[in-house]
């Protein structure tokens, strides 16, 4: 990882102050601190992405089941209405 490239970012003043405090507390410069935070975020993001995909797949499956149940309820409601009409005659 010796091939590091400089970047420029803009952050809120309050975030910069907090970053400075943390940098002093940890005894490392901002660049190292930010680099560590980015690494941690990327590792965490890689682990969460499949979970999110699985959640969306499960949601789609539940939506299909809900639509199927709703269709069945509508059919049954129609059948009950027909039976009630027959009884009233």
Protein backbone atom coordinates (compact mmCIF):
# COMPACT_ATOMS: atom_id res chain seq x y z
CA UNK A 1 0.00 0.00 0.00
CA UNK A 2 2.92 2.33 -0.61
CA UNK A 3 1.15 3.87 -3.58
CA UNK A 4 -0.94 6.42 -1.70
CA UNK A 5 -2.66 9.26 -3.51
CA UNK A 6 -3.64 12.62 -2.02
CA UNK A 7 -7.31 13.61 -2.02
CA UNK A 8 -9.20 16.70 -0.97
CA UNK A 9 -12.48 16.65 0.96
CA UNK A 10 -14.78 19.19 2.52
CA UNK A 11 -16.22 18.59 5.97
CA UNK A 12 -18.18 20.65 8.46
CA UNK A 13 -16.15 22.75 10.86
CA UNK A 14 -17.52 20.87 13.87
CA UNK A 15 -16.51 17.54 12.32
CA UNK A 16 -13.00 18.90 11.73
CA UNK A 17 -12.78 19.94 15.39
CA UNK A 18 -13.87 16.46 16.51
CA UNK A 19 -11.36 14.92 14.12
CA UNK A 20 -8.59 17.10 15.60
CA UNK A 21 -9.57 16.06 19.15
CA UNK A 22 -9.55 12.39 18.21
CA UNK A 23 -6.26 12.77 16.38
CA UNK A 24 -4.67 14.30 19.47
CA UNK A 25 -6.20 11.67 21.76
CA UNK A 26 -4.99 8.77 19.59
CA UNK A 27 -1.60 10.35 18.91
CA UNK A 28 -1.86 10.00 15.14
CA UNK A 29 -2.25 12.58 12.42
CA UNK A 30 -5.56 13.28 10.67
CA UNK A 31 -4.48 11.60 7.47
CA UNK A 32 -3.83 8.28 9.22
CA UNK A 33 -7.04 8.60 11.20
CA UNK A 34 -9.13 9.29 8.09
CA UNK A 35 -7.40 6.47 6.21
CA UNK A 36 -8.22 4.04 9.03
CA UNK A 37 -11.84 5.22 9.09
CA UNK A 38 -12.16 4.72 5.32
CA UNK A 39 -10.67 1.20 5.56
CA UNK A 40 -13.06 0.31 8.36
CA UNK A 41 -16.02 1.68 6.42
CA UNK A 42 -15.10 -0.24 3.27
CA UNK A 43 -14.67 -3.51 5.19
CA UNK A 44 -17.98 -2.98 6.97
CA UNK A 45 -19.73 -2.04 3.71
CA UNK A 46 -18.51 -5.22 2.00
CA UNK A 47 -20.02 -7.32 4.79
CA UNK A 48 -23.36 -5.48 4.80
CA UNK A 49 -23.99 -5.44 1.04
CA UNK A 50 -24.92 -9.16 0.78
CA UNK A 51 -27.18 -8.82 3.82
CA UNK A 52 -28.97 -5.90 2.20
CA UNK A 53 -29.39 -7.83 -1.04
CA UNK A 54 -30.80 -10.80 0.88
CA UNK A 55 -33.20 -8.49 2.71
CA UNK A 56 -34.50 -7.05 -0.56
CA UNK A 57 -34.94 -10.56 -1.99
CA UNK A 58 -36.89 -11.60 1.09
CA UNK A 59 -39.02 -8.45 0.84
CA UNK A 60 -39.88 -9.24 -2.79
CA UNK A 61 -40.82 -12.78 -1.79
CA UNK A 62 -43.09 -11.48 0.97
CA UNK A 63 -44.71 -9.01 -1.42
CA UNK A 64 -45.50 -11.85 -3.86
CA UNK A 65 -47.00 -13.92 -1.05
CA UNK A 66 -49.05 -10.93 0.10
CA UNK A 67 -50.40 -10.39 -3.42
CA UNK A 68 -51.32 -14.08 -3.66
CA UNK A 69 -53.11 -13.97 -0.31
CA UNK A 70 -54.91 -10.77 -1.25
CA UNK A 71 -56.13 -12.38 -4.47
CA UNK A 72 -57.41 -15.40 -2.53
CA UNK A 73 -59.18 -13.14 -0.02
CA UNK A 74 -60.84 -11.25 -2.86
CA UNK A 75 -62.00 -14.52 -4.45
CA UNK A 76 -63.38 -15.76 -1.12
CA UNK A 77 -65.11 -12.43 -0.51
CA UNK A 78 -66.80 -12.71 -3.90
CA UNK A 79 -67.91 -16.27 -3.13
CA UNK A 80 -69.31 -15.25 0.26
CA UNK A 81 -71.17 -12.34 -1.36
CA UNK A 82 -72.72 -14.74 -3.89
CA UNK A 83 -73.80 -17.14 -1.13
CA UNK A 84 -75.37 -14.31 0.85
CA UNK A 85 -77.29 -13.16 -2.23
CA UNK A 86 -78.56 -16.71 -2.83
CA UNK A 87 -79.71 -17.00 0.78
CA UNK A 88 -81.67 -13.76 0.54
CA UNK A 89 -83.66 -14.99 -2.46
